[in-house]
């Protein structure tokens, strides 16, 4: 699927590094088929040394070399980046934007007729277990989408959704790791409170959430059914679940997702003005 293609990255931050690492480790393409640009020469030196990819300070050089172009920069610099690259981006290049909050419509205005895909990965891509949702722009087709899902599958899981869902995606999977880190921290504190060492409590909390999530993914069973399987009548688990329901943990998580999605919507309006 990626045979003979060259991939470029404008911006070499954490998301770009995770993607390049996943692509190389999965053997999707050779490092020699990847070119990276950044304003920091020291960062480029690091990327070249770590992955043996090509690097350049000149943004336009990346565009001229590649078939797939990833925009992995901060929202506040995307317009200045587009000022430089848009004259060189042709419809033969598939552009993938990981720029938070920037719509395909806003990018399309600067790159007419170019196939554009918007991607929303979350931070666990850094350890190969990310969740990425992509949305197709006006000129991107299903084949383009499947190609990019394949790339993001190297760092976790990827699905295609309508762009109108992106604020909801941000509220759930984009911000979701933050909620999980709070849960792990709280469970770890609880372990210490009942007599466990901090090290053991943290290990047990993190591995328990990881294992439970893996059960959901691999069995395909509804979480409620899996919960019932571990909840014995009059046992310890139901006692704990009862407290969670009393304290409104379920409702709090639902409200957190809704609040984050609303915040994403509000920020998106400002970014795309």
C-alpha atoms as a PDB file:
ATOM      1  CA  UNK A   1       0.000   0.000   0.000  1.00  0.00           C
ATOM      2  CA  UNK A   2       2.926   2.350   0.712  1.00  0.00           C
ATOM      3  CA  UNK A   3       5.335   0.851  -1.822  1.00  0.00           C
ATOM      4  CA  UNK A   4       7.328   3.555  -3.550  1.00  0.00           C
ATOM      5  CA  UNK A   5       5.762   6.378  -1.562  1.00  0.00           C
ATOM      6  CA  UNK A   6       7.616   9.048   0.338  1.00  0.00           C
ATOM      7  CA  UNK A   7       6.260  10.564   3.532  1.00  0.00           C
ATOM      8  CA  UNK A   8       7.064  14.021   4.857  1.00  0.00           C
ATOM      9  CA  UNK A   9       6.569  15.632   8.238  1.00  0.00           C
ATOM     10  CA  UNK A  10       6.456  19.355   8.885  1.00  0.00           C
ATOM     11  CA  UNK A  11       7.063  19.575  12.603  1.00  0.00           C
ATOM     12  CA  UNK A  12       9.043  16.974  14.531  1.00  0.00           C
ATOM     13  CA  UNK A  13       7.355  16.998  17.930  1.00  0.00           C
ATOM     14  CA  UNK A  14       6.004  14.100  19.966  1.00  0.00           C
ATOM     15  CA  UNK A  15       3.277  13.048  17.516  1.00  0.00           C
ATOM     16  CA  UNK A  16       5.653  13.084  14.542  1.00  0.00           C
ATOM     17  CA  UNK A  17       8.265  11.126  16.489  1.00  0.00           C
ATOM     18  CA  UNK A  18       5.704   8.523  17.574  1.00  0.00           C
ATOM     19  CA  UNK A  19       4.403   8.116  14.032  1.00  0.00           C
ATOM     20  CA  UNK A  20       7.856   7.803  12.507  1.00  0.00           C
ATOM     21  CA  UNK A  21       8.841   5.282  15.157  1.00  0.00           C
ATOM     22  CA  UNK A  22       5.717   3.219  14.472  1.00  0.00           C
ATOM     23  CA  UNK A  23       6.105   3.402  10.703  1.00  0.00           C
ATOM     24  CA  UNK A  24       9.731   2.298  10.836  1.00  0.00           C
ATOM     25  CA  UNK A  25       9.174  -0.462  13.404  1.00  0.00           C
ATOM     26  CA  UNK A  26       6.218  -1.831  11.429  1.00  0.00           C
ATOM     27  CA  UNK A  27       8.303  -1.816   8.266  1.00  0.00           C
ATOM     28  CA  UNK A  28       5.695   0.164   6.329  1.00  0.00           C
ATOM     29  CA  UNK A  29       8.444   2.041   4.507  1.00  0.00           C
ATOM     30  CA  UNK A  30      12.189   2.477   4.852  1.00  0.00           C
ATOM     31  CA  UNK A  31      13.595   5.422   6.828  1.00  0.00           C
ATOM     32  CA  UNK A  32      15.133   6.695   3.576  1.00  0.00           C
ATOM     33  CA  UNK A  33      11.577   7.327   2.327  1.00  0.00           C
ATOM     34  CA  UNK A  34      10.842   9.751   5.172  1.00  0.00           C
ATOM     35  CA  UNK A  35      11.810  13.433   5.276  1.00  0.00           C
ATOM     36  CA  UNK A  36      11.289  15.734   8.255  1.00  0.00           C
ATOM     37  CA  UNK A  37      11.391  19.504   8.589  1.00  0.00           C
ATOM     38  CA  UNK A  38      11.491  21.670  11.693  1.00  0.00           C
ATOM     39  CA  UNK A  39      12.714  25.114  12.740  1.00  0.00           C
ATOM     40  CA  UNK A  40      15.114  23.512  15.242  1.00  0.00           C
ATOM     41  CA  UNK A  41      18.324  22.079  13.801  1.00  0.00           C
ATOM     42  CA  UNK A  42      19.061  20.264  17.058  1.00  0.00           C
ATOM     43  CA  UNK A  43      15.675  18.550  16.885  1.00  0.00           C
ATOM     44  CA  UNK A  44      16.328  17.529  13.296  1.00  0.00           C
ATOM     45  CA  UNK A  45      19.732  16.179  14.266  1.00  0.00           C
ATOM     46  CA  UNK A  46      18.046  14.086  16.939  1.00  0.00           C
ATOM     47  CA  UNK A  47      15.485  12.706  14.474  1.00  0.00           C
ATOM     48  CA  UNK A  48      18.156  11.895  11.908  1.00  0.00           C
ATOM     49  CA  UNK A  49      20.329  10.143  14.459  1.00  0.00           C
ATOM     50  CA  UNK A  50      17.448   8.182  16.006  1.00  0.00           C
ATOM     51  CA  UNK A  51      15.613   7.089  12.855  1.00  0.00           C
ATOM     52  CA  UNK A  52      18.085   7.672  10.008  1.00  0.00           C
ATOM     53  CA  UNK A  53      15.511   9.782   8.140  1.00  0.00           C
ATOM     54  CA  UNK A  54      16.232  12.715   5.859  1.00  0.00           C
ATOM     55  CA  UNK A  55      15.881  16.172   7.418  1.00  0.00           C
ATOM     56  CA  UNK A  56      15.759  19.775   6.217  1.00  0.00           C
ATOM     57  CA  UNK A  57      15.113  23.234   7.595  1.00  0.00           C
ATOM     58  CA  UNK A  58      13.340  24.228   4.377  1.00  0.00           C
ATOM     59  CA  UNK A  59       9.627  23.422   4.411  1.00  0.00           C
ATOM     60  CA  UNK A  60       9.233  23.605   0.656  1.00  0.00           C
ATOM     61  CA  UNK A  61      11.854  20.887   0.170  1.00  0.00           C
ATOM     62  CA  UNK A  62       9.651  18.455   2.072  1.00  0.00           C
ATOM     63  CA  UNK A  63       6.638  19.251  -0.112  1.00  0.00           C
ATOM     64  CA  UNK A  64       8.589  18.773  -3.338  1.00  0.00           C
ATOM     65  CA  UNK A  65       9.810  15.316  -2.264  1.00  0.00           C
ATOM     66  CA  UNK A  66       6.749  13.517  -0.897  1.00  0.00           C
ATOM     67  CA  UNK A  67       3.484  11.796  -1.788  1.00  0.00           C
ATOM     68  CA  UNK A  68       2.027  12.071   1.724  1.00  0.00           C
ATOM     69  CA  UNK A  69       2.553  15.181   3.837  1.00  0.00           C
ATOM     70  CA  UNK A  70       1.862  15.239   7.587  1.00  0.00           C
ATOM     71  CA  UNK A  71       1.318  18.645   9.193  1.00  0.00           C
ATOM     72  CA  UNK A  72       2.365  18.053  12.797  1.00  0.00           C
ATOM     73  CA  UNK A  73       2.758  21.599  14.093  1.00  0.00           C
ATOM     74  CA  UNK A  74       1.049  23.706  16.755  1.00  0.00           C
ATOM     75  CA  UNK A  75      -2.191  25.509  15.777  1.00  0.00           C
ATOM     76  CA  UNK A  76      -0.614  28.911  16.368  1.00  0.00           C
ATOM     77  CA  UNK A  77       1.950  28.405  13.594  1.00  0.00           C
ATOM     78  CA  UNK A  78      -0.147  26.601  10.975  1.00  0.00           C
ATOM     79  CA  UNK A  79      -0.945  29.774   9.036  1.00  0.00           C
ATOM     80  CA  UNK A  80       2.701  30.765   8.700  1.00  0.00           C
ATOM     81  CA  UNK A  81       3.516  27.206   7.603  1.00  0.00           C
ATOM     82  CA  UNK A  82       0.775  27.324   4.972  1.00  0.00           C
ATOM     83  CA  UNK A  83       2.122  30.653   3.728  1.00  0.00           C
ATOM     84  CA  UNK A  84       5.335  28.852   2.822  1.00  0.00           C
ATOM     85  CA  UNK A  85       4.103  25.487   1.548  1.00  0.00           C
ATOM     86  CA  UNK A  86       0.755  26.156  -0.139  1.00  0.00           C
ATOM     87  CA  UNK A  87       2.287  27.307  -3.465  1.00  0.00           C
ATOM     88  CA  UNK A  88       4.095  23.949  -3.694  1.00  0.00           C
ATOM     89  CA  UNK A  89       1.284  21.598  -2.628  1.00  0.00           C
ATOM     90  CA  UNK A  90      -0.375  19.971  -5.638  1.00  0.00           C
ATOM     91  CA  UNK A  91      -3.424  17.674  -5.831  1.00  0.00           C
ATOM     92  CA  UNK A  92      -0.971  14.798  -6.263  1.00  0.00           C
ATOM     93  CA  UNK A  93      -0.014  15.139  -2.576  1.00  0.00           C
ATOM     94  CA  UNK A  94      -2.167  13.716   0.207  1.00  0.00           C
ATOM     95  CA  UNK A  95      -2.071  16.144   3.133  1.00  0.00           C
ATOM     96  CA  UNK A  96      -2.742  14.840   6.645  1.00  0.00           C
ATOM     97  CA  UNK A  97      -3.267  17.465   9.333  1.00  0.00           C
ATOM     98  CA  UNK A  98      -2.775  16.614  12.992  1.00  0.00           C
ATOM     99  CA  UNK A  99      -3.176  20.305  13.889  1.00  0.00           C
ATOM    100  CA  UNK A 100      -5.675  20.487  16.747  1.00  0.00           C
ATOM    101  CA  UNK A 101      -8.897  22.316  16.008  1.00  0.00           C
ATOM    102  CA  UNK A 102      -8.158  23.243  12.388  1.00  0.00           C
ATOM    103  CA  UNK A 103     -10.860  22.034  10.001  1.00  0.00           C
ATOM    104  CA  UNK A 104     -10.322  20.556   6.563  1.00  0.00           C
ATOM    105  CA  UNK A 105     -12.375  23.454   5.181  1.00  0.00           C
ATOM    106  CA  UNK A 106      -9.921  25.979   6.634  1.00  0.00           C
ATOM    107  CA  UNK A 107      -6.998  24.067   5.150  1.00  0.00           C
ATOM    108  CA  UNK A 108      -8.804  23.599   1.827  1.00  0.00           C
ATOM    109  CA  UNK A 109      -9.102  27.351   1.420  1.00  0.00           C
ATOM    110  CA  UNK A 110      -5.311  27.551   1.383  1.00  0.00           C
ATOM    111  CA  UNK A 111      -4.788  24.377  -0.678  1.00  0.00           C
ATOM    112  CA  UNK A 112      -7.578  24.171  -3.292  1.00  0.00           C
ATOM    113  CA  UNK A 113      -8.361  20.773  -4.840  1.00  0.00           C
ATOM    114  CA  UNK A 114      -5.765  19.044  -2.624  1.00  0.00           C
ATOM    115  CA  UNK A 115      -6.899  15.833  -0.870  1.00  0.00           C
ATOM    116  CA  UNK A 116      -6.818  16.644   2.844  1.00  0.00           C
ATOM    117  CA  UNK A 117      -7.366  14.400   5.843  1.00  0.00           C
ATOM    118  CA  UNK A 118      -7.762  15.597   9.415  1.00  0.00           C
ATOM    119  CA  UNK A 119      -6.474  13.297  12.145  1.00  0.00           C
ATOM    120  CA  UNK A 120      -7.058  13.334  15.884  1.00  0.00           C
ATOM    121  CA  UNK A 121      -4.618  10.982  17.663  1.00  0.00           C
ATOM    122  CA  UNK A 122      -4.273  10.827  21.425  1.00  0.00           C
ATOM    123  CA  UNK A 123      -1.076  10.756  23.462  1.00  0.00           C
ATOM    124  CA  UNK A 124      -0.755   6.949  23.871  1.00  0.00           C
ATOM    125  CA  UNK A 125       0.511   6.868  20.270  1.00  0.00           C
ATOM    126  CA  UNK A 126       3.825   7.488  22.022  1.00  0.00           C
ATOM    127  CA  UNK A 127       3.733   3.897  23.331  1.00  0.00           C
ATOM    128  CA  UNK A 128       2.064   2.331  20.296  1.00  0.00           C
ATOM    129  CA  UNK A 129      -1.405   2.178  21.863  1.00  0.00           C
ATOM    130  CA  UNK A 130      -3.022   5.357  20.617  1.00  0.00           C
ATOM    131  CA  UNK A 131      -6.535   5.938  19.323  1.00  0.00           C
ATOM    132  CA  UNK A 132      -6.782   8.007  16.155  1.00  0.00           C
ATOM    133  CA  UNK A 133      -9.885   9.202  14.368  1.00  0.00           C
ATOM    134  CA  UNK A 134      -9.552  10.586  10.852  1.00  0.00           C
ATOM    135  CA  UNK A 135     -11.957  12.632   8.762  1.00  0.00           C
ATOM    136  CA  UNK A 136     -11.867  12.988   4.990  1.00  0.00           C
ATOM    137  CA  UNK A 137     -11.808  16.409   3.392  1.00  0.00           C
ATOM    138  CA  UNK A 138     -13.716  17.309   0.230  1.00  0.00           C
ATOM    139  CA  UNK A 139     -11.177  15.837  -2.196  1.00  0.00           C
ATOM    140  CA  UNK A 140      -9.977  12.870  -0.116  1.00  0.00           C
ATOM    141  CA  UNK A 141     -11.448   9.485  -1.019  1.00  0.00           C
ATOM    142  CA  UNK A 142     -11.992   6.209   0.816  1.00  0.00           C
ATOM    143  CA  UNK A 143      -8.701   4.804  -0.473  1.00  0.00           C
ATOM    144  CA  UNK A 144      -6.859   7.822   0.940  1.00  0.00           C
ATOM    145  CA  UNK A 145      -8.577   7.252   4.268  1.00  0.00           C
ATOM    146  CA  UNK A 146      -7.699   3.566   4.413  1.00  0.00           C
ATOM    147  CA  UNK A 147      -4.080   4.385   3.637  1.00  0.00           C
ATOM    148  CA  UNK A 148      -3.837   6.811   6.544  1.00  0.00           C
ATOM    149  CA  UNK A 149      -5.648   4.410   8.902  1.00  0.00           C
ATOM    150  CA  UNK A 150      -2.963   1.857   8.007  1.00  0.00           C
ATOM    151  CA  UNK A 151      -0.251   4.316   9.009  1.00  0.00           C
ATOM    152  CA  UNK A 152      -1.917   5.182  12.318  1.00  0.00           C
ATOM    153  CA  UNK A 153      -2.486   1.488  12.997  1.00  0.00           C
ATOM    154  CA  UNK A 154       1.297   1.300  13.463  1.00  0.00           C
ATOM    155  CA  UNK A 155       0.827   3.277  16.693  1.00  0.00           C
ATOM    156  CA  UNK A 156      -2.495   1.884  17.914  1.00  0.00           C
ATOM    157  CA  UNK A 157      -5.935   1.840  16.342  1.00  0.00           C
ATOM    158  CA  UNK A 158      -7.534   4.112  13.769  1.00  0.00           C
ATOM    159  CA  UNK A 159     -11.035   4.648  12.388  1.00  0.00           C
ATOM    160  CA  UNK A 160     -12.692   6.953   9.866  1.00  0.00           C
ATOM    161  CA  UNK A 161     -15.528   9.210  11.012  1.00  0.00           C
ATOM    162  CA  UNK A 162     -17.323  12.291   9.775  1.00  0.00           C
ATOM    163  CA  UNK A 163     -15.566  15.528  10.655  1.00  0.00           C
ATOM    164  CA  UNK A 164     -18.677  16.781  12.449  1.00  0.00           C
ATOM    165  CA  UNK A 165     -17.837  14.278  15.217  1.00  0.00           C
ATOM    166  CA  UNK A 166     -14.371  15.681  15.899  1.00  0.00           C
ATOM    167  CA  UNK A 167     -15.344  17.737  18.953  1.00  0.00           C
ATOM    168  CA  UNK A 168     -16.937  14.646  20.493  1.00  0.00           C
ATOM    169  CA  UNK A 169     -13.825  12.649  19.580  1.00  0.00           C
ATOM    170  CA  UNK A 170     -11.694  15.253  21.337  1.00  0.00           C
ATOM    171  CA  UNK A 171     -13.869  15.058  24.445  1.00  0.00           C
ATOM    172  CA  UNK A 172     -13.635  11.258  24.629  1.00  0.00           C
ATOM    173  CA  UNK A 173     -10.427   9.859  23.151  1.00  0.00           C
ATOM    174  CA  UNK A 174      -8.421  13.067  22.773  1.00  0.00           C
ATOM    175  CA  UNK A 175      -8.826  14.122  26.392  1.00  0.00           C
ATOM    176  CA  UNK A 176      -9.543  10.605  27.654  1.00  0.00           C
ATOM    177  CA  UNK A 177      -5.984   9.729  28.706  1.00  0.00           C
ATOM    178  CA  UNK A 178      -6.153  12.620  31.154  1.00  0.00           C
ATOM    179  CA  UNK A 179      -9.212  11.126  32.822  1.00  0.00           C
ATOM    180  CA  UNK A 180      -7.535   7.719  32.992  1.00  0.00           C
ATOM    181  CA  UNK A 181      -4.408   9.187  34.571  1.00  0.00           C
ATOM    182  CA  UNK A 182      -6.628  10.711  37.267  1.00  0.00           C
ATOM    183  CA  UNK A 183      -8.223   7.288  37.856  1.00  0.00           C
ATOM    184  CA  UNK A 184      -4.834   5.570  38.067  1.00  0.00           C
ATOM    185  CA  UNK A 185      -3.566   8.189  40.491  1.00  0.00           C
ATOM    186  CA  UNK A 186      -6.687   7.877  42.646  1.00  0.00           C
ATOM    187  CA  UNK A 187      -6.537   4.065  42.694  1.00  0.00           C
ATOM    188  CA  UNK A 188      -2.859   4.248  43.583  1.00  0.00           C
ATOM    189  CA  UNK A 189      -3.606   6.602  46.486  1.00  0.00           C
ATOM    190  CA  UNK A 190      -6.329   4.235  47.620  1.00  0.00           C
ATOM    191  CA  UNK A 191      -3.881   1.350  47.566  1.00  0.00           C
ATOM    192  CA  UNK A 192      -1.485   3.293  49.758  1.00  0.00           C
ATOM    193  CA  UNK A 193      -4.376   4.170  52.078  1.00  0.00           C
ATOM    194  CA  UNK A 194      -5.121   0.484  52.652  1.00  0.00           C
ATOM    195  CA  UNK A 195      -1.491  -0.416  53.309  1.00  0.00           C
ATOM    196  CA  UNK A 196       0.218  -1.052  49.942  1.00  0.00           C
ATOM    197  CA  UNK A 197       3.536   0.494  48.977  1.00  0.00           C
ATOM    198  CA  UNK A 198       3.334   3.357  46.461  1.00  0.00           C
ATOM    199  CA  UNK A 199       5.309   1.392  43.875  1.00  0.00           C
ATOM    200  CA  UNK A 200       3.116  -1.696  44.109  1.00  0.00           C
ATOM    201  CA  UNK A 201      -0.110   0.313  44.264  1.00  0.00           C
ATOM    202  CA  UNK A 202       0.787   2.243  41.109  1.00  0.00           C
ATOM    203  CA  UNK A 203       1.752  -0.929  39.245  1.00  0.00           C
ATOM    204  CA  UNK A 204      -1.472  -2.674  40.248  1.00  0.00           C
ATOM    205  CA  UNK A 205      -3.644   0.320  39.369  1.00  0.00           C
ATOM    206  CA  UNK A 206      -2.092   0.872  35.926  1.00  0.00           C
ATOM    207  CA  UNK A 207      -1.985  -2.812  34.979  1.00  0.00           C
ATOM    208  CA  UNK A 208      -5.559  -3.334  36.170  1.00  0.00           C
ATOM    209  CA  UNK A 209      -6.887  -0.570  33.898  1.00  0.00           C
ATOM    210  CA  UNK A 210      -4.711  -1.776  31.019  1.00  0.00           C
ATOM    211  CA  UNK A 211      -5.894  -5.368  31.431  1.00  0.00           C
ATOM    212  CA  UNK A 212      -9.540  -4.401  31.756  1.00  0.00           C
ATOM    213  CA  UNK A 213      -9.350  -2.282  28.610  1.00  0.00           C
ATOM    214  CA  UNK A 214      -7.688  -5.146  26.741  1.00  0.00           C
ATOM    215  CA  UNK A 215     -10.509  -7.484  27.788  1.00  0.00           C
ATOM    216  CA  UNK A 216     -13.083  -5.080  26.316  1.00  0.00           C
ATOM    217  CA  UNK A 217     -11.172  -4.822  23.034  1.00  0.00           C
ATOM    218  CA  UNK A 218     -10.305  -8.472  22.609  1.00  0.00           C
ATOM    219  CA  UNK A 219     -13.550 -10.101  23.790  1.00  0.00           C
ATOM    220  CA  UNK A 220     -15.900  -7.629  22.135  1.00  0.00           C
ATOM    221  CA  UNK A 221     -18.180  -7.962  25.148  1.00  0.00           C
ATOM    222  CA  UNK A 222     -20.063  -5.014  26.617  1.00  0.00           C
ATOM    223  CA  UNK A 223     -18.273  -3.582  29.693  1.00  0.00           C
ATOM    224  CA  UNK A 224     -21.414  -4.174  31.771  1.00  0.00           C
ATOM    225  CA  UNK A 225     -21.277  -7.895  30.991  1.00  0.00           C
ATOM    226  CA  UNK A 226     -17.595  -8.081  31.908  1.00  0.00           C
ATOM    227  CA  UNK A 227     -18.349  -6.190  35.121  1.00  0.00           C
ATOM    228  CA  UNK A 228     -21.083  -8.694  35.989  1.00  0.00           C
ATOM    229  CA  UNK A 229     -18.606 -11.544  35.470  1.00  0.00           C
ATOM    230  CA  UNK A 230     -16.385 -10.203  38.250  1.00  0.00           C
ATOM    231  CA  UNK A 231     -19.203  -9.044  40.531  1.00  0.00           C
ATOM    232  CA  UNK A 232     -20.195 -11.861  42.896  1.00  0.00           C
ATOM    233  CA  UNK A 233     -23.386 -11.604  44.978  1.00  0.00           C
ATOM    234  CA  UNK A 234     -22.596  -9.927  48.285  1.00  0.00           C
ATOM    235  CA  UNK A 235     -18.909  -9.757  47.316  1.00  0.00           C
ATOM    236  CA  UNK A 236     -16.165  -7.140  47.393  1.00  0.00           C
ATOM    237  CA  UNK A 237     -16.585  -5.794  43.875  1.00  0.00           C
ATOM    238  CA  UNK A 238     -20.279  -4.969  44.193  1.00  0.00           C
ATOM    239  CA  UNK A 239     -19.508  -3.177  47.470  1.00  0.00           C
ATOM    240  CA  UNK A 240     -16.989  -1.004  45.645  1.00  0.00           C
ATOM    241  CA  UNK A 241     -19.233  -0.448  42.607  1.00  0.00           C
ATOM    242  CA  UNK A 242     -22.038   0.632  44.932  1.00  0.00           C
ATOM    243  CA  UNK A 243     -19.821   3.383  46.352  1.00  0.00           C
ATOM    244  CA  UNK A 244     -18.835   4.528  42.837  1.00  0.00           C
ATOM    245  CA  UNK A 245     -22.502   4.856  41.912  1.00  0.00           C
ATOM    246  CA  UNK A 246     -23.310   6.656  45.184  1.00  0.00           C
ATOM    247  CA  UNK A 247     -20.531   9.189  44.534  1.00  0.00           C
ATOM    248  CA  UNK A 248     -21.605   9.796  40.948  1.00  0.00           C
ATOM    249  CA  UNK A 249     -18.387   8.630  39.264  1.00  0.00           C
ATOM    250  CA  UNK A 250     -20.251   7.521  36.136  1.00  0.00           C
ATOM    251  CA  UNK A 251     -22.036  10.867  35.820  1.00  0.00           C
ATOM    252  CA  UNK A 252     -18.806  12.764  36.492  1.00  0.00           C
ATOM    253  CA  UNK A 253     -17.033  10.999  33.637  1.00  0.00           C
ATOM    254  CA  UNK A 254     -19.942  11.670  31.292  1.00  0.00           C
ATOM    255  CA  UNK A 255     -19.928  15.339  32.280  1.00  0.00           C
ATOM    256  CA  UNK A 256     -16.150  15.502  31.774  1.00  0.00           C
ATOM    257  CA  UNK A 257     -16.466  14.254  28.183  1.00  0.00           C
ATOM    258  CA  UNK A 258     -19.297  16.700  27.481  1.00  0.00           C
ATOM    259  CA  UNK A 259     -17.335  19.621  28.955  1.00  0.00           C
ATOM    260  CA  UNK A 260     -14.212  18.768  26.958  1.00  0.00           C
ATOM    261  CA  UNK A 261     -16.228  18.399  23.745  1.00  0.00           C
ATOM    262  CA  UNK A 262     -17.847  21.794  24.307  1.00  0.00           C
ATOM    263  CA  UNK A 263     -14.467  23.356  25.004  1.00  0.00           C
ATOM    264  CA  UNK A 264     -13.123  21.831  21.788  1.00  0.00           C
ATOM    265  CA  UNK A 265     -16.030  23.317  19.866  1.00  0.00           C
ATOM    266  CA  UNK A 266     -15.448  26.763  21.364  1.00  0.00           C
ATOM    267  CA  UNK A 267     -11.709  26.654  20.646  1.00  0.00           C
ATOM    268  CA  UNK A 268     -12.326  25.444  17.099  1.00  0.00           C
ATOM    269  CA  UNK A 269     -14.503  28.452  16.327  1.00  0.00           C
ATOM    270  CA  UNK A 270     -11.668  30.798  17.299  1.00  0.00           C
ATOM    271  CA  UNK A 271      -8.985  28.788  15.490  1.00  0.00           C
ATOM    272  CA  UNK A 272     -10.877  28.708  12.201  1.00  0.00           C
ATOM    273  CA  UNK A 273     -11.993  32.338  12.192  1.00  0.00           C
END
